[in-house]
Amino acid sequence: MGVEPGDRIVLLIPVGIDLYIGATATLLDPAADIQNILTRYPVDGLMGVPKRTRSG
């Protein structure tokens, strides 16, 4: 199983990152009703990066 051209993928990655994988990105506002959006527009996968924590 992998990402293929035309797949709808949720990206939980900072928007400034350079990204090109040939799939359709669905960018969501964190304040949005994400459950409702994903119910209306099902996705084929999810990508994310770990949240960074500040030390000290």
N, C-alpha and C. Protein backbone atom coordinates (compact mmCIF):
# COMPACT_ATOMS: atom_id res chain seq x y z
N MET A 1 0.86 -1.18 0.00
CA MET A 1 0.00 0.00 0.00
C MET A 1 0.89 1.23 0.00
N GLY A 2 0.63 2.17 -0.88
CA GLY A 2 1.41 3.40 -0.95
C GLY A 2 0.56 4.52 -1.51
N VAL A 3 1.15 5.71 -1.56
CA VAL A 3 0.47 6.88 -2.11
C VAL A 3 0.61 6.84 -3.62
N GLU A 4 -0.51 7.07 -4.31
CA GLU A 4 -0.52 7.04 -5.77
C GLU A 4 -1.06 8.35 -6.31
N PRO A 5 -0.67 8.73 -7.54
CA PRO A 5 -1.22 9.94 -8.14
C PRO A 5 -2.74 9.93 -8.10
N GLY A 6 -3.32 11.04 -7.69
CA GLY A 6 -4.77 11.16 -7.59
C GLY A 6 -5.33 10.81 -6.22
N ASP A 7 -4.55 10.18 -5.33
CA ASP A 7 -5.01 9.89 -3.98
C ASP A 7 -5.24 11.20 -3.23
N ARG A 8 -6.23 11.23 -2.36
CA ARG A 8 -6.49 12.39 -1.51
C ARG A 8 -5.86 12.09 -0.16
N ILE A 9 -4.88 12.91 0.24
CA ILE A 9 -4.08 12.68 1.44
C ILE A 9 -4.18 13.88 2.38
N VAL A 10 -4.34 13.66 3.67
CA VAL A 10 -4.28 14.73 4.66
C VAL A 10 -2.83 14.90 5.07
N LEU A 11 -2.33 16.13 5.00
CA LEU A 11 -0.95 16.42 5.37
C LEU A 11 -0.92 17.19 6.68
N LEU A 12 -0.29 16.64 7.67
CA LEU A 12 -0.11 17.33 8.95
C LEU A 12 1.35 17.76 9.01
N ILE A 13 1.71 18.64 8.09
CA ILE A 13 3.08 19.08 7.91
C ILE A 13 3.07 20.60 7.79
N PRO A 14 4.05 21.30 8.35
CA PRO A 14 4.08 22.75 8.17
C PRO A 14 3.97 23.13 6.69
N VAL A 15 3.14 24.13 6.39
CA VAL A 15 2.84 24.48 5.01
C VAL A 15 4.07 24.94 4.24
N GLY A 16 5.09 25.50 4.90
CA GLY A 16 6.27 26.00 4.23
C GLY A 16 7.17 24.91 3.66
N ILE A 17 6.93 23.66 3.97
CA ILE A 17 7.80 22.57 3.52
C ILE A 17 7.61 22.32 2.03
N ASP A 18 8.70 22.05 1.31
CA ASP A 18 8.60 21.69 -0.10
C ASP A 18 8.09 20.26 -0.18
N LEU A 19 7.01 20.07 -0.95
CA LEU A 19 6.40 18.75 -1.00
C LEU A 19 5.86 18.50 -2.40
N TYR A 20 6.25 17.41 -2.99
CA TYR A 20 5.67 17.00 -4.27
C TYR A 20 5.67 15.49 -4.34
N ILE A 21 4.50 14.90 -4.30
CA ILE A 21 4.41 13.43 -4.39
C ILE A 21 3.45 12.99 -5.47
N GLY A 22 2.81 13.93 -6.18
CA GLY A 22 1.88 13.58 -7.24
C GLY A 22 0.47 13.27 -6.77
N ALA A 23 0.21 13.36 -5.47
CA ALA A 23 -1.14 13.15 -4.93
C ALA A 23 -1.80 14.50 -4.72
N THR A 24 -3.09 14.50 -4.45
CA THR A 24 -3.82 15.74 -4.17
C THR A 24 -3.77 16.02 -2.68
N ALA A 25 -3.24 17.19 -2.31
CA ALA A 25 -3.16 17.57 -0.89
C ALA A 25 -4.47 18.20 -0.44
N THR A 26 -4.94 17.81 0.73
CA THR A 26 -6.10 18.43 1.36
C THR A 26 -5.59 19.12 2.62
N LEU A 27 -5.53 20.44 2.59
CA LEU A 27 -5.00 21.20 3.73
C LEU A 27 -6.16 21.66 4.59
N LEU A 28 -6.10 21.34 5.88
CA LEU A 28 -7.18 21.66 6.81
C LEU A 28 -6.72 22.68 7.85
N ASP A 29 -7.59 23.63 8.13
CA ASP A 29 -7.35 24.57 9.21
C ASP A 29 -7.54 23.82 10.52
N PRO A 30 -6.57 23.88 11.45
CA PRO A 30 -6.72 23.14 12.71
C PRO A 30 -7.97 23.52 13.50
N ALA A 31 -8.52 24.72 13.27
CA ALA A 31 -9.73 25.14 13.98
C ALA A 31 -11.01 24.63 13.30
N ALA A 32 -10.89 24.00 12.13
CA ALA A 32 -12.05 23.53 11.38
C ALA A 32 -12.65 22.29 12.03
N ASP A 33 -13.87 21.98 11.63
CA ASP A 33 -14.54 20.75 12.06
C ASP A 33 -13.98 19.61 11.20
N ILE A 34 -12.84 19.08 11.61
CA ILE A 34 -12.11 18.11 10.80
C ILE A 34 -12.93 16.84 10.57
N GLN A 35 -13.63 16.36 11.57
CA GLN A 35 -14.44 15.15 11.41
C GLN A 35 -15.49 15.34 10.33
N ASN A 36 -16.16 16.49 10.31
CA ASN A 36 -17.17 16.77 9.30
C ASN A 36 -16.54 16.83 7.90
N ILE A 37 -15.40 17.48 7.78
CA ILE A 37 -14.72 17.59 6.48
C ILE A 37 -14.33 16.22 5.97
N LEU A 38 -13.73 15.39 6.84
CA LEU A 38 -13.30 14.07 6.41
C LEU A 38 -14.46 13.13 6.12
N THR A 39 -15.62 13.37 6.73
CA THR A 39 -16.82 12.60 6.41
C THR A 39 -17.31 12.96 5.01
N ARG A 40 -17.29 14.26 4.71
CA ARG A 40 -17.75 14.73 3.40
C ARG A 40 -16.76 14.42 2.29
N TYR A 41 -15.46 14.46 2.61
CA TYR A 41 -14.41 14.26 1.61
C TYR A 41 -13.44 13.21 2.12
N PRO A 42 -13.78 11.93 2.00
CA PRO A 42 -12.91 10.86 2.51
C PRO A 42 -11.52 10.92 1.87
N VAL A 43 -10.52 10.56 2.64
CA VAL A 43 -9.13 10.57 2.16
C VAL A 43 -8.61 9.14 2.05
N ASP A 44 -7.52 8.98 1.31
CA ASP A 44 -6.91 7.67 1.11
C ASP A 44 -5.72 7.44 2.04
N GLY A 45 -5.29 8.48 2.75
CA GLY A 45 -4.14 8.32 3.64
C GLY A 45 -3.93 9.57 4.47
N LEU A 46 -2.97 9.50 5.36
CA LEU A 46 -2.64 10.61 6.25
C LEU A 46 -1.12 10.66 6.40
N MET A 47 -0.55 11.86 6.32
CA MET A 47 0.88 12.04 6.55
C MET A 47 1.06 13.11 7.61
N GLY A 48 2.03 12.94 8.45
CA GLY A 48 2.27 13.93 9.49
C GLY A 48 3.70 13.88 9.98
N VAL A 49 4.07 14.88 10.76
CA VAL A 49 5.37 14.91 11.39
C VAL A 49 5.15 15.08 12.88
N PRO A 50 6.06 14.58 13.71
CA PRO A 50 5.88 14.73 15.16
C PRO A 50 5.91 16.20 15.57
N LYS A 51 5.15 16.52 16.58
CA LYS A 51 5.15 17.87 17.12
C LYS A 51 6.46 18.09 17.86
N ARG A 52 7.10 19.21 17.58
CA ARG A 52 8.34 19.52 18.29
C ARG A 52 8.02 20.14 19.64
N THR A 53 8.80 19.78 20.63
CA THR A 53 8.63 20.37 21.95
C THR A 53 9.86 21.21 22.25
N ARG A 54 9.64 22.24 23.00
CA ARG A 54 10.76 23.11 23.41
C ARG A 54 11.39 22.54 24.66
N SER A 55 12.70 22.45 24.66
CA SER A 55 13.38 21.96 25.87
C SER A 55 13.71 23.13 26.77
N GLY A 56 13.70 22.88 28.05
CA GLY A 56 14.10 23.90 29.00
C GLY A 56 12.97 24.51 29.67
